[in-house]
Amino acid sequence: MFYRRCLGIACFGAVAAAMTAADLRAQDMRRPKRLIATGWDHPTSRELPGILAEMEKRPFDGVVVPFVGQRDDGKPAPLNWAFVNEPWRREWFQAEIDRLRRCTFQRLTHNFVELHANPGNVDWFDDGGWENIVDHWRIAAWVAKNAGFRGILLDPEPYAPPHAQFHYAAQPQRDQHAFRDYYAKARQRGRKIMEAVVAEYPDITIFCYFMNSVNGAAVGNADPRAALASSGYGLLPAMIDGWLDAMPPTVTLVDGCESAYRFNSRLEYLEAANLMRGACQELVSPENRAKYRAQVQTSFGVYLDAYWNPQGNPWYIDGRGGPRVDRLRSNVQSALEAADEYVWIYGERFRWWPTSHSGVRKESWPEVLPGCDQALAFARNPREYARTALADLKAAGKLVNLARNGDFGAASAVSLDGKPENYRENGPPAGWGAWQEEKSHGTFTWDKAANGGGALGAARAANVGGGCFIQSFRVRPGERYPVGALCRTAGRGEARIRVRWQTPDGHWTAEMQDRLMFPEPPDQPGPDAWSTLFGVVEVPEGVGRLVILLGVAGQRSPEDVAWFDRVELYQLP
């Protein structure tokens, strides 16, 4: 039982040992997670090319872009004002497409054309008006495809009162048609929108600031339409159902869950993700639920202003006893963990890059919320962030390895309690313990001649069916640690790092937050090549000790050997 907890099931180790370096390079099984920037400072299609280099320095994978074309009379044609009863021409937007096609996007590769459900003054029973709206969607999909964008971002919120596209009470013909009739008509219009969109862009992603998550309170009823009739977005599920009717398997929808703006705990994100994936299916016709489960992603909005606004503001997130920027990092991490792919970062009062929006102040977000860019960078990609941070610490002469005798070059070291420990002949290296499962009869020793770089010496495990070298460290919740080592194997078996957690008094805890690190393929493969193991961990709540396990599994004879060297543990500032 202990072995399964410490090192994983033995058969998994055998499978991993059978994988070649080519297998590992050929297939990356990680689910990509991406941050999308949006808000008042988002650049127009005309502004973006001039500031692209500056934009790509920020910790984002994509942006939302309003396209503004030019009508035949020279007046602007905002593509985002799509729910309007007027004919458009594709030629109005060709110059903007050409402008963006000349850009070379390196980092920002998940970009979206912005659409609003505004002015929203077209009744769902207005056939002529909806012929134009459907064509606007067709043009938007064509623009996104030809500009090299990932898809369309729809903001369903009404910004042109008294109009509200998805509110039954705001429909001009509401006295002539019951809500049930509007619901059926909205589904029909949604079907036509999707048919037009996929004709232009068959593998498009349609990202919405919110989809059915906004109507989560309507679930649990035999007929949710009774609850939706008075909702400000009561007709939105019907349009989405129409999308699903006509949507091929190549299309992805994203529910952005704008309701997450005030979330300040991991549990809130997990509960919302569960709602979107589960109960929100009750707002989808039974025949479309399999498609919904397969093609609708969960996402979350993070409202930056809530981390800057003063206490007492209704949009305020406190630091829970620490810096508010740390809550930003933690909440974005939780959002990315619960999301399928995307988390969107929305800001209003300040900017990430130059903007022409008159409501945005001149200060940048990193100026008014120091550390917010690092917080997002860490949440987005902890490994990438840690490698950069470690290089900076090394250059500044502040890099301190917390591993005791991590280079295995010394015959003495100190214990967790600071007491001296000397190497014992035929035992593990000084400062390290060892454990193996009952059926394993291997050896854990100090190989004084082996060298993965640096001081002579390495930890050596041979004929180990399952076991590990062990070292513990005192830590505090919320602290972040890059963990790394070098390893080399001969014969059968595999090597890895597992980081586990204990309470301050040494009891195992937080087992679901254990972290495994496997060898990366060496740059120059060969029998004597050393591979790198590297990862980043954050100390969970209730934890007082971090335990590094240099694990070995699948060895069957004394000729099967694994070496570890240059074990490193650093604390990020």
Protein backbone atom coordinates (compact mmCIF):
# COMPACT_ATOMS: atom_id res chain seq x y z
CA MET A 1 0.00 0.00 0.00
CA PHE A 2 2.78 2.41 0.92
CA TYR A 3 4.56 1.71 -2.35
CA ARG A 4 1.49 2.49 -4.40
CA ARG A 5 1.15 5.80 -2.61
CA CYS A 6 4.83 6.68 -2.86
CA LEU A 7 5.70 5.52 -6.32
CA GLY A 8 2.56 4.57 -8.23
CA ILE A 9 1.34 1.20 -9.35
CA ALA A 10 4.21 -1.09 -10.38
CA CYS A 11 2.71 -2.05 -13.72
CA PHE A 12 2.67 1.62 -14.68
CA GLY A 13 6.38 1.76 -14.03
CA ALA A 14 6.95 -1.20 -16.32
CA VAL A 15 4.97 0.47 -19.09
CA ALA A 16 6.84 3.74 -18.62
CA ALA A 17 10.16 1.91 -18.72
CA ALA A 18 9.21 0.41 -22.06
CA MET A 19 8.61 3.81 -23.63
CA THR A 20 11.49 5.06 -25.73
CA ALA A 21 12.78 8.60 -25.93
CA ALA A 22 11.29 8.81 -29.41
CA ASP A 23 7.87 7.91 -27.99
CA LEU A 24 8.15 10.71 -25.44
CA ARG A 25 9.18 13.26 -28.05
CA ALA A 26 6.46 12.21 -30.49
CA GLN A 27 3.44 12.64 -28.23
CA ASP A 28 2.79 15.31 -25.63
CA MET A 29 -0.27 14.21 -23.68
CA ARG A 30 -0.61 17.37 -21.61
CA ARG A 31 -3.79 19.41 -22.04
CA PRO A 32 -2.78 22.92 -23.12
CA LYS A 33 -4.01 25.75 -20.91
CA ARG A 34 -4.07 29.29 -22.26
CA LEU A 35 -4.67 32.85 -21.05
CA ILE A 36 -6.66 35.21 -23.26
CA ALA A 37 -6.40 38.98 -22.73
CA THR A 38 -9.46 41.13 -23.17
CA GLY A 39 -10.95 44.30 -21.73
CA TRP A 40 -11.08 47.99 -22.41
CA ASP A 41 -7.48 48.10 -23.65
CA HIS A 42 -7.86 45.48 -26.34
CA PRO A 43 -6.37 46.74 -29.60
CA THR A 44 -8.41 47.21 -32.74
CA SER A 45 -7.40 45.47 -35.92
CA ARG A 46 -5.82 48.74 -37.04
CA GLU A 47 -3.85 49.29 -33.81
CA LEU A 48 -2.57 45.77 -33.24
CA PRO A 49 0.23 45.58 -35.86
CA GLY A 50 1.99 48.63 -34.41
CA ILE A 51 2.12 47.27 -30.85
CA LEU A 52 2.39 43.53 -31.49
CA ALA A 53 6.01 43.31 -30.30
CA GLU A 54 5.07 44.90 -26.97
CA MET A 55 1.97 42.74 -26.64
CA GLU A 56 3.92 39.52 -27.05
CA LYS A 57 6.03 40.37 -24.00
CA ARG A 58 2.96 39.92 -21.80
CA PRO A 59 1.93 36.52 -20.34
CA PHE A 60 -0.92 35.79 -22.75
CA ASP A 61 -1.62 33.28 -25.50
CA GLY A 62 -4.16 35.35 -27.36
CA VAL A 63 -6.24 38.53 -27.43
CA VAL A 64 -9.73 39.64 -28.39
CA VAL A 65 -9.69 42.07 -31.30
CA PRO A 66 -12.47 44.42 -32.46
CA PHE A 67 -12.40 44.75 -36.25
CA VAL A 68 -13.46 48.08 -37.71
CA GLY A 69 -14.00 48.07 -41.45
CA GLN A 70 -14.80 50.94 -43.77
CA ARG A 71 -18.14 51.43 -45.51
CA ASP A 72 -18.48 52.57 -49.09
CA ASP A 73 -19.10 56.12 -47.85
CA GLY A 74 -15.89 56.06 -45.79
CA LYS A 75 -17.61 55.73 -42.42
CA PRO A 76 -16.44 53.07 -39.93
CA ALA A 77 -18.09 49.66 -39.89
CA PRO A 78 -17.60 48.07 -36.45
CA LEU A 79 -17.81 44.31 -36.90
CA ASN A 80 -18.65 43.78 -33.24
CA TRP A 81 -22.03 45.58 -33.57
CA ALA A 82 -23.38 42.45 -35.25
CA PHE A 83 -26.99 42.18 -34.04
CA VAL A 84 -28.23 45.02 -36.21
CA ASN A 85 -30.66 45.09 -39.12
CA GLU A 86 -28.53 46.41 -41.94
CA PRO A 87 -26.72 44.76 -44.85
CA TRP A 88 -22.92 44.48 -44.77
CA ARG A 89 -20.34 43.80 -47.44
CA ARG A 90 -17.23 41.66 -47.02
CA GLU A 91 -15.15 44.19 -48.90
CA TRP A 92 -15.51 46.59 -45.98
CA PHE A 93 -13.22 44.37 -43.88
CA GLN A 94 -10.70 43.18 -46.47
CA ALA A 95 -8.13 45.87 -45.65
CA GLU A 96 -8.17 44.87 -41.96
CA ILE A 97 -7.66 41.22 -42.88
CA ASP A 98 -4.72 42.15 -45.10
CA ARG A 99 -3.25 44.28 -42.32
CA LEU A 100 -3.28 41.39 -39.84
CA ARG A 101 -2.10 38.77 -42.31
CA ARG A 102 1.14 40.73 -42.58
CA CYS A 103 1.72 40.22 -38.84
CA THR A 104 3.89 37.38 -37.56
CA PHE A 105 2.36 36.10 -34.34
CA GLN A 106 4.86 34.18 -32.21
CA ARG A 107 3.18 33.92 -28.82
CA LEU A 108 -0.31 35.32 -29.45
CA THR A 109 -1.69 32.50 -31.57
CA HIS A 110 -5.17 32.10 -30.04
CA ASN A 111 -6.85 35.32 -31.10
CA PHE A 112 -10.56 36.01 -31.47
CA VAL A 113 -12.68 38.43 -33.48
CA GLU A 114 -14.99 40.34 -31.14
CA LEU A 115 -18.78 40.29 -31.60
CA HIS A 116 -21.40 41.88 -29.34
CA ALA A 117 -25.07 40.94 -29.16
CA ASN A 118 -25.78 44.62 -29.84
CA PRO A 119 -27.59 46.81 -30.43
CA GLY A 120 -29.93 43.83 -29.98
CA ASN A 121 -33.00 45.62 -31.31
CA VAL A 122 -33.98 42.98 -33.88
CA ASP A 123 -36.96 40.87 -32.86
CA TRP A 124 -36.44 37.13 -33.19
CA PHE A 125 -39.50 36.99 -35.48
CA ASP A 126 -38.10 39.63 -37.86
CA ASP A 127 -37.09 37.47 -40.84
CA GLY A 128 -35.45 40.29 -42.77
CA GLY A 129 -33.49 41.48 -39.77
CA TRP A 130 -32.27 38.00 -38.98
CA GLU A 131 -31.20 37.46 -42.55
CA ASN A 132 -28.78 40.34 -41.99
CA ILE A 133 -27.64 39.13 -38.55
CA VAL A 134 -26.90 35.65 -39.91
CA ASP A 135 -24.90 37.25 -42.71
CA HIS A 136 -22.95 39.31 -40.17
CA TRP A 137 -21.97 36.07 -38.42
CA ARG A 138 -20.98 34.64 -41.80
CA ILE A 139 -18.77 37.65 -42.46
CA ALA A 140 -17.25 37.46 -38.95
CA ALA A 141 -16.34 33.80 -39.49
CA TRP A 142 -14.83 34.67 -42.87
CA VAL A 143 -12.81 37.48 -41.25
CA ALA A 144 -11.56 35.18 -38.46
CA LYS A 145 -10.57 32.46 -40.90
CA ASN A 146 -8.75 34.74 -43.31
CA ALA A 147 -7.03 36.76 -40.58
CA GLY A 148 -5.59 33.55 -39.14
CA PHE A 149 -7.57 33.85 -35.91
CA ARG A 150 -8.84 30.99 -33.77
CA GLY A 151 -12.45 32.11 -33.99
CA ILE A 152 -15.10 34.48 -32.67
CA LEU A 153 -15.61 35.90 -29.17
CA LEU A 154 -19.27 36.69 -28.42
CA ASP A 155 -20.23 39.04 -25.60
CA PRO A 156 -23.97 38.45 -25.02
CA GLU A 157 -24.35 41.40 -22.62
CA PRO A 158 -26.68 44.25 -23.73
CA TYR A 159 -24.97 47.64 -24.00
CA ALA A 160 -27.69 49.57 -25.85
CA PRO A 161 -30.68 49.90 -23.50
CA PRO A 162 -33.58 49.40 -23.62
CA HIS A 163 -32.64 46.66 -26.06
CA ALA A 164 -31.58 43.20 -24.83
CA GLN A 165 -31.33 40.48 -27.45
CA PHE A 166 -31.88 37.52 -25.12
CA HIS A 167 -34.52 38.99 -22.78
CA TYR A 168 -38.08 38.03 -23.65
CA ALA A 169 -39.50 41.18 -22.05
CA ALA A 170 -37.39 43.36 -24.37
CA GLN A 171 -38.68 41.85 -27.63
CA PRO A 172 -40.76 44.24 -29.77
CA GLN A 173 -43.33 41.54 -30.61
CA ARG A 174 -43.62 40.02 -27.12
CA ASP A 175 -47.35 40.81 -26.99
CA GLN A 176 -47.90 38.70 -30.09
CA HIS A 177 -45.85 35.60 -29.19
CA ALA A 178 -45.49 33.56 -26.01
CA PHE A 179 -42.08 32.84 -24.51
CA ARG A 180 -42.33 29.25 -25.71
CA ASP A 181 -42.71 30.50 -29.28
CA TYR A 182 -39.72 32.83 -28.90
CA TYR A 183 -37.68 29.97 -27.52
CA ALA A 184 -38.39 27.85 -30.60
CA LYS A 185 -37.63 30.77 -32.90
CA ALA A 186 -34.32 31.55 -31.13
CA ARG A 187 -33.26 27.93 -31.60
CA GLN A 188 -34.08 28.20 -35.29
CA ARG A 189 -32.02 31.39 -35.61
CA GLY A 190 -29.12 29.75 -33.78
CA ARG A 191 -29.20 26.88 -36.24
CA LYS A 192 -28.98 29.29 -39.17
CA ILE A 193 -26.08 31.15 -37.54
CA MET A 194 -24.09 27.95 -37.13
CA GLU A 195 -24.80 26.82 -40.69
CA ALA A 196 -23.48 30.13 -42.00
CA VAL A 197 -20.43 30.11 -39.74
CA VAL A 198 -19.23 26.58 -40.53
CA ALA A 199 -19.64 27.20 -44.25
CA GLU A 200 -16.85 29.77 -43.86
CA TYR A 201 -14.81 28.25 -41.01
CA PRO A 202 -15.52 24.53 -40.41
CA ASP A 203 -13.18 24.16 -37.41
CA ILE A 204 -13.93 27.45 -35.69
CA THR A 205 -13.93 28.08 -31.93
CA ILE A 206 -16.81 30.24 -30.70
CA PHE A 207 -15.81 31.67 -27.34
CA CYS A 208 -18.55 33.31 -25.25
CA TYR A 209 -18.05 35.35 -22.11
CA PHE A 210 -20.85 33.15 -20.85
CA MET A 211 -23.17 30.49 -22.22
CA ASN A 212 -25.49 28.35 -20.11
CA SER A 213 -23.49 29.09 -16.96
CA VAL A 214 -25.35 32.41 -16.69
CA ASN A 215 -28.63 30.49 -16.33
CA GLY A 216 -27.41 27.88 -13.87
CA ALA A 217 -30.18 28.81 -11.43
CA ALA A 218 -32.77 27.52 -13.91
CA VAL A 219 -31.65 23.89 -13.68
CA GLY A 220 -33.46 21.38 -11.51
CA ASN A 221 -36.86 22.04 -13.09
CA ALA A 222 -38.76 19.62 -15.29
CA ASP A 223 -39.15 22.47 -17.80
CA PRO A 224 -36.47 25.14 -17.26
CA ARG A 225 -38.27 27.50 -19.62
CA ALA A 226 -40.53 28.51 -16.73
CA ALA A 227 -37.47 29.97 -15.00
CA LEU A 228 -35.90 31.28 -18.21
CA ALA A 229 -38.93 33.33 -19.24
CA SER A 230 -38.05 36.13 -16.81
CA SER A 231 -34.26 35.82 -17.11
CA GLY A 232 -32.32 38.56 -18.82
CA TYR A 233 -30.64 35.83 -20.86
CA GLY A 234 -33.60 33.44 -21.09
CA LEU A 235 -33.35 33.03 -24.86
CA LEU A 236 -29.60 32.40 -24.89
CA PRO A 237 -29.90 28.63 -24.19
CA ALA A 238 -32.27 28.35 -27.14
CA MET A 239 -29.80 29.96 -29.54
CA ILE A 240 -27.05 27.70 -28.18
CA ASP A 241 -29.28 24.67 -28.72
CA GLY A 242 -29.64 25.78 -32.33
CA TRP A 243 -25.87 26.01 -32.62
CA LEU A 244 -25.63 22.44 -31.38
CA ASP A 245 -28.27 21.30 -33.90
CA ALA A 246 -26.09 22.35 -36.83
CA MET A 247 -22.61 22.05 -35.33
CA PRO A 248 -20.21 19.52 -36.93
CA PRO A 249 -17.65 17.67 -34.75
CA THR A 250 -14.92 20.12 -35.81
CA VAL A 251 -16.43 23.10 -33.96
CA THR A 252 -15.63 24.03 -30.35
CA LEU A 253 -17.79 26.19 -28.09
CA VAL A 254 -16.44 27.81 -24.92
CA ASP A 255 -18.57 28.85 -21.93
CA GLY A 256 -16.52 31.65 -20.36
CA CYS A 257 -18.46 31.76 -17.05
CA GLU A 258 -18.24 35.50 -16.44
CA SER A 259 -19.92 34.76 -13.10
CA ALA A 260 -16.45 33.78 -11.83
CA TYR A 261 -15.39 37.44 -11.50
CA ARG A 262 -15.71 37.31 -7.69
CA PHE A 263 -14.43 33.75 -7.16
CA ASN A 264 -11.74 33.57 -4.49
CA SER A 265 -11.26 29.86 -3.82
CA ARG A 266 -10.39 26.68 -5.66
CA LEU A 267 -13.70 25.15 -4.61
CA GLU A 268 -15.73 27.86 -6.36
CA TYR A 269 -14.02 27.15 -9.68
CA LEU A 270 -14.46 23.40 -9.29
CA GLU A 271 -18.14 23.79 -8.40
CA ALA A 272 -18.76 26.06 -11.39
CA ALA A 273 -16.96 23.66 -13.72
CA ASN A 274 -19.11 20.84 -12.38
CA LEU A 275 -22.23 22.93 -13.01
CA MET A 276 -21.25 23.71 -16.60
CA ARG A 277 -20.29 20.14 -17.43
CA GLY A 278 -23.18 18.58 -15.55
CA ALA A 279 -26.41 20.29 -14.58
CA CYS A 280 -26.27 22.89 -17.39
CA GLN A 281 -27.01 20.03 -19.77
CA GLU A 282 -30.61 20.38 -18.55
CA LEU A 283 -30.74 23.57 -20.65
CA VAL A 284 -29.84 21.53 -23.74
CA SER A 285 -32.21 19.32 -25.72
CA PRO A 286 -31.61 15.62 -24.95
CA GLU A 287 -30.62 14.91 -28.55
CA ASN A 288 -27.80 17.49 -28.29
CA ARG A 289 -26.36 16.54 -24.90
CA ALA A 290 -23.72 14.13 -26.19
CA LYS A 291 -22.52 16.86 -28.55
CA TYR A 292 -22.56 19.36 -25.69
CA ARG A 293 -20.41 17.09 -23.52
CA ALA A 294 -17.94 16.51 -26.34
CA GLN A 295 -17.63 20.02 -27.80
CA VAL A 296 -18.44 22.62 -25.15
CA GLN A 297 -15.47 23.68 -23.03
CA THR A 298 -15.53 25.22 -19.58
CA SER A 299 -13.67 28.48 -19.05
CA PHE A 300 -13.58 31.31 -16.51
CA GLY A 301 -13.28 35.08 -16.50
CA VAL A 302 -10.87 36.78 -14.11
CA TYR A 303 -11.62 40.45 -13.39
CA LEU A 304 -8.34 42.27 -12.74
CA ASP A 305 -9.97 45.40 -11.33
CA ALA A 306 -11.31 43.34 -8.41
CA TYR A 307 -7.71 42.87 -7.22
CA TRP A 308 -7.08 46.63 -7.32
CA ASN A 309 -10.42 48.12 -6.23
CA PRO A 310 -10.59 49.37 -2.62
CA GLN A 311 -12.40 47.49 0.09
CA GLY A 312 -16.08 48.38 0.02
CA ASN A 313 -16.25 48.27 -3.76
CA PRO A 314 -18.77 45.60 -4.83
CA TRP A 315 -16.08 44.23 -7.15
CA TYR A 316 -13.41 43.59 -4.53
CA ILE A 317 -11.34 40.48 -3.80
CA ASP A 318 -9.37 40.45 -0.56
CA GLY A 319 -6.00 38.84 0.01
CA ARG A 320 -7.20 36.40 2.67
CA GLY A 321 -4.39 37.51 4.94
CA GLY A 322 -1.75 37.93 2.23
CA PRO A 323 -0.99 40.14 -0.76
CA ARG A 324 -3.89 40.41 -3.18
CA VAL A 325 -1.58 39.65 -6.09
CA ASP A 326 -0.97 36.24 -4.50
CA ARG A 327 -4.72 35.64 -4.57
CA LEU A 328 -4.66 36.57 -8.26
CA ARG A 329 -2.02 33.93 -8.91
CA SER A 330 -3.80 31.31 -6.85
CA ASN A 331 -7.20 32.02 -8.41
CA VAL A 332 -5.86 31.96 -11.96
CA GLN A 333 -4.15 28.65 -11.17
CA SER A 334 -7.45 27.28 -9.86
CA ALA A 335 -9.28 28.59 -12.92
CA LEU A 336 -6.79 26.97 -15.31
CA GLU A 337 -6.96 23.72 -13.37
CA ALA A 338 -10.76 23.58 -13.63
CA ALA A 339 -10.98 24.90 -17.21
CA ASP A 340 -10.70 22.74 -20.29
CA GLU A 341 -8.34 25.10 -22.09
CA TYR A 342 -8.95 28.84 -21.76
CA VAL A 343 -9.11 31.42 -18.98
CA TRP A 344 -9.75 35.02 -19.96
CA ILE A 345 -8.26 37.99 -18.13
CA TYR A 346 -10.47 41.09 -18.24
CA GLY A 347 -9.37 44.56 -17.17
CA GLU A 348 -10.95 47.99 -17.41
CA ARG A 349 -9.17 50.84 -15.59
CA PHE A 350 -5.57 50.14 -16.61
CA ARG A 351 -3.72 48.71 -19.57
CA TRP A 352 -1.27 46.03 -20.69
CA TRP A 353 -0.21 47.98 -23.81
CA PRO A 354 -0.96 51.32 -25.50
CA THR A 355 -4.66 51.90 -26.10
CA SER A 356 -6.88 54.58 -27.60
CA HIS A 357 -9.72 53.86 -25.15
CA SER A 358 -10.45 57.10 -23.27
CA GLY A 359 -11.64 55.28 -20.15
CA VAL A 360 -8.31 53.54 -19.55
CA ARG A 361 -5.77 55.28 -17.34
CA LYS A 362 -2.18 55.80 -18.43
CA GLU A 363 -0.69 53.43 -15.82
CA SER A 364 -0.08 49.81 -16.74
CA TRP A 365 -1.40 46.87 -14.76
CA PRO A 366 2.07 45.91 -13.47
CA GLU A 367 2.51 49.49 -12.22
CA VAL A 368 -0.70 49.59 -10.17
CA LEU A 369 -0.75 45.91 -9.19
CA PRO A 370 2.95 45.04 -8.83
CA GLY A 371 3.73 41.43 -9.59
CA CYS A 372 0.52 40.76 -11.52
CA ASP A 373 2.42 39.91 -14.70
CA GLN A 374 4.61 37.41 -12.82
CA ALA A 375 1.50 35.98 -11.12
CA LEU A 376 -0.14 35.33 -14.48
CA ALA A 377 3.07 33.98 -16.00
CA PHE A 378 3.49 31.49 -13.16
CA ALA A 379 -0.13 30.35 -13.30
CA ARG A 380 0.03 29.97 -17.07
CA ASN A 381 3.23 27.90 -17.17
CA PRO A 382 4.97 27.22 -13.82
CA ARG A 383 7.88 25.36 -15.43
CA GLU A 384 8.64 28.11 -17.92
CA TYR A 385 8.32 30.76 -15.23
CA ALA A 386 10.53 28.83 -12.81
CA ARG A 387 13.33 28.32 -15.33
CA THR A 388 13.42 32.06 -16.00
CA ALA A 389 13.25 32.93 -12.29
CA LEU A 390 16.07 30.52 -11.44
CA ALA A 391 18.27 31.99 -14.15
CA ASP A 392 17.63 35.47 -12.73
CA LEU A 393 18.42 34.33 -9.17
CA LYS A 394 21.62 32.69 -10.37
CA ALA A 395 22.71 35.81 -12.22
CA ALA A 396 22.07 37.83 -9.05
CA GLY A 397 24.04 35.38 -6.90
CA LYS A 398 20.94 34.55 -4.83
CA LEU A 399 20.31 30.96 -5.90
CA VAL A 400 20.37 28.64 -2.85
CA ASN A 401 19.91 24.88 -3.24
CA LEU A 402 17.95 23.56 -0.25
CA ALA A 403 18.69 19.89 -1.00
CA ARG A 404 21.11 18.45 1.56
CA ASN A 405 24.05 16.75 -0.15
CA GLY A 406 22.13 17.04 -3.41
CA ASP A 407 25.27 16.52 -5.49
CA PHE A 408 26.15 13.36 -3.51
CA GLY A 409 29.72 14.53 -3.16
CA ALA A 410 30.00 14.53 0.65
CA ALA A 411 30.43 11.80 3.24
CA SER A 412 28.47 13.79 5.80
CA ALA A 413 25.35 15.96 5.77
CA VAL A 414 22.74 17.32 8.15
CA SER A 415 19.35 15.82 8.87
CA LEU A 416 15.97 17.54 8.74
CA ASP A 417 16.55 18.55 12.37
CA GLY A 418 20.02 19.91 11.65
CA LYS A 419 21.90 17.00 13.22
CA PRO A 420 25.03 15.65 11.49
CA GLU A 421 24.65 12.39 9.56
CA ASN A 422 27.65 10.43 8.29
CA TYR A 423 27.68 7.99 5.42
CA ARG A 424 27.51 4.33 6.43
CA GLU A 425 29.21 1.74 4.24
CA ASN A 426 26.82 0.08 1.75
CA GLY A 427 24.05 2.46 2.76
CA PRO A 428 22.45 5.40 0.95
CA PRO A 429 24.36 8.68 0.58
CA ALA A 430 24.72 10.91 3.62
CA GLY A 431 21.60 12.95 4.31
CA TRP A 432 19.35 10.52 2.42
CA GLY A 433 17.12 7.68 3.55
CA ALA A 434 15.90 4.76 1.45
CA TRP A 435 12.82 2.56 1.28
CA GLN A 436 11.67 -0.35 -0.90
CA GLU A 437 8.57 -2.48 -1.02
CA GLU A 438 8.53 -5.80 0.81
CA LYS A 439 8.99 -7.93 -2.32
CA SER A 440 11.92 -5.85 -3.55
CA HIS A 441 15.47 -6.87 -2.56
CA GLY A 442 17.60 -4.17 -4.17
CA THR A 443 20.41 -1.97 -2.92
CA PHE A 444 20.58 1.78 -2.34
CA THR A 445 24.17 2.97 -2.20
CA TRP A 446 26.58 5.84 -2.76
CA ASP A 447 28.47 5.50 -6.05
CA LYS A 448 31.52 7.67 -5.41
CA ALA A 449 32.78 7.42 -9.00
CA ALA A 450 29.60 8.32 -10.88
CA ASN A 451 29.22 11.89 -12.02
CA GLY A 452 26.32 13.65 -13.69
CA GLY A 453 28.19 16.94 -13.54
CA GLY A 454 29.77 18.79 -10.65
CA ALA A 455 31.19 16.89 -7.68
CA LEU A 456 31.98 13.19 -8.02
CA GLY A 457 29.32 10.94 -6.58
CA ALA A 458 25.75 9.84 -7.25
CA ALA A 459 22.94 7.90 -5.59
CA ARG A 460 22.78 4.36 -7.02
CA ALA A 461 19.84 1.93 -6.93
CA ALA A 462 20.14 -1.60 -8.32
CA ASN A 463 17.77 -4.59 -8.54
CA VAL A 464 14.95 -2.52 -7.05
CA GLY A 465 11.47 -3.69 -7.92
CA GLY A 466 10.05 -0.60 -6.29
CA GLY A 467 11.62 1.86 -3.89
CA CYS A 468 13.18 5.27 -3.44
CA PHE A 469 15.77 7.54 -1.87
CA ILE A 470 14.04 9.95 0.53
CA GLN A 471 14.69 13.44 1.89
CA SER A 472 12.26 15.77 3.74
CA PHE A 473 12.09 19.55 4.12
CA ARG A 474 10.10 21.91 6.30
CA VAL A 475 7.81 24.14 4.26
CA ARG A 476 4.75 26.39 4.58
CA PRO A 477 1.48 26.43 2.62
CA GLY A 478 1.61 28.61 -0.48
CA GLU A 479 5.38 28.39 -0.93
CA ARG A 480 6.55 27.40 -4.41
CA TYR A 481 9.49 25.14 -5.15
CA PRO A 482 11.18 24.08 -8.40
CA VAL A 483 12.45 20.52 -7.99
CA GLY A 484 14.99 18.87 -10.26
CA ALA A 485 17.64 16.19 -10.65
CA LEU A 486 19.65 14.26 -13.22
CA CYS A 487 19.22 10.54 -13.71
CA ARG A 488 20.71 7.73 -15.78
CA THR A 489 19.61 4.10 -16.15
CA ALA A 490 21.22 0.88 -17.34
CA GLY A 491 19.27 -2.26 -18.14
CA ARG A 492 15.62 -2.49 -17.23
CA GLY A 493 13.59 -0.24 -14.98
CA GLU A 494 12.74 3.43 -14.79
CA ALA A 495 13.55 6.40 -12.59
CA ARG A 496 11.47 9.37 -11.55
CA ILE A 497 10.88 11.98 -8.85
CA ARG A 498 7.77 12.04 -6.76
CA VAL A 499 7.03 14.93 -4.43
CA ARG A 500 4.75 14.07 -1.52
CA TRP A 501 3.39 15.99 1.44
CA GLN A 502 3.28 15.55 5.20
CA THR A 503 1.71 17.45 8.07
CA PRO A 504 4.11 19.37 10.35
CA ASP A 505 4.29 16.31 12.62
CA GLY A 506 5.12 13.91 9.79
CA HIS A 507 1.83 12.29 8.73
CA TRP A 508 1.10 11.82 5.02
CA THR A 509 -1.49 14.24 3.64
CA ALA A 510 -2.76 15.91 0.43
CA GLU A 511 -2.17 12.71 -1.54
CA MET A 512 -4.18 13.96 -4.51
CA GLN A 513 -1.64 16.76 -4.88
CA ASP A 514 1.43 14.53 -5.16
CA ARG A 515 3.55 15.43 -8.19
CA LEU A 516 5.45 13.08 -10.50
CA MET A 517 8.40 14.11 -12.67
CA PHE A 518 9.75 11.83 -15.37
CA PRO A 519 13.03 12.11 -17.30
CA GLU A 520 13.09 14.39 -20.30
CA PRO A 521 14.78 12.87 -23.36
CA PRO A 522 18.50 13.84 -23.34
CA ASP A 523 19.79 16.16 -26.04
CA GLN A 524 22.29 13.49 -27.12
CA PRO A 525 20.82 10.03 -26.43
CA GLY A 526 23.19 7.23 -25.52
CA PRO A 527 23.86 4.61 -22.86
CA ASP A 528 25.82 7.07 -20.71
CA ALA A 529 23.52 10.05 -21.22
CA TRP A 530 22.00 11.76 -18.21
CA SER A 531 18.39 12.93 -18.39
CA THR A 532 16.80 15.87 -16.61
CA LEU A 533 13.86 15.62 -14.23
CA PHE A 534 12.21 18.95 -13.46
CA GLY A 535 8.95 20.27 -12.08
CA VAL A 536 7.40 22.94 -9.90
CA VAL A 537 5.22 22.37 -6.84
CA GLU A 538 3.18 24.61 -4.56
CA VAL A 539 2.70 23.63 -0.92
CA PRO A 540 -0.96 22.76 -0.18
CA GLU A 541 -2.91 23.90 2.86
CA GLY A 542 -2.24 21.93 6.03
CA VAL A 543 1.22 20.81 4.89
CA GLY A 544 4.39 21.25 6.93
CA ARG A 545 6.83 18.98 5.10
CA LEU A 546 7.80 18.45 1.47
CA VAL A 547 9.18 14.97 0.77
CA ILE A 548 11.35 14.24 -2.28
CA LEU A 549 11.30 10.61 -3.40
CA LEU A 550 13.91 9.61 -5.99
CA GLY A 551 11.91 6.65 -7.21
CA VAL A 552 12.99 3.46 -8.97
CA ALA A 553 10.76 0.68 -10.31
CA GLY A 554 10.84 -2.30 -12.64
CA GLN A 555 14.41 -3.49 -12.04
CA ARG A 556 14.87 -7.29 -12.04
CA SER A 557 18.57 -8.01 -11.57
CA PRO A 558 21.74 -6.47 -10.09
CA GLU A 559 22.65 -5.34 -13.62
CA ASP A 560 19.59 -3.08 -13.69
CA VAL A 561 20.79 0.22 -12.24
CA ALA A 562 19.54 3.80 -11.82
CA TRP A 563 21.71 6.75 -10.79
CA PHE A 564 20.57 10.15 -9.49
CA ASP A 565 22.71 13.25 -9.25
CA ARG A 566 22.47 17.02 -8.77
CA VAL A 567 19.20 17.01 -6.84
CA GLU A 568 18.00 20.60 -6.53
CA LEU A 569 15.25 22.26 -4.52
CA TYR A 570 14.77 26.02 -4.62
CA GLN A 571 12.19 28.35 -3.15
CA LEU A 572 10.74 30.92 -5.51
CA PRO A 573 10.44 34.45 -4.11
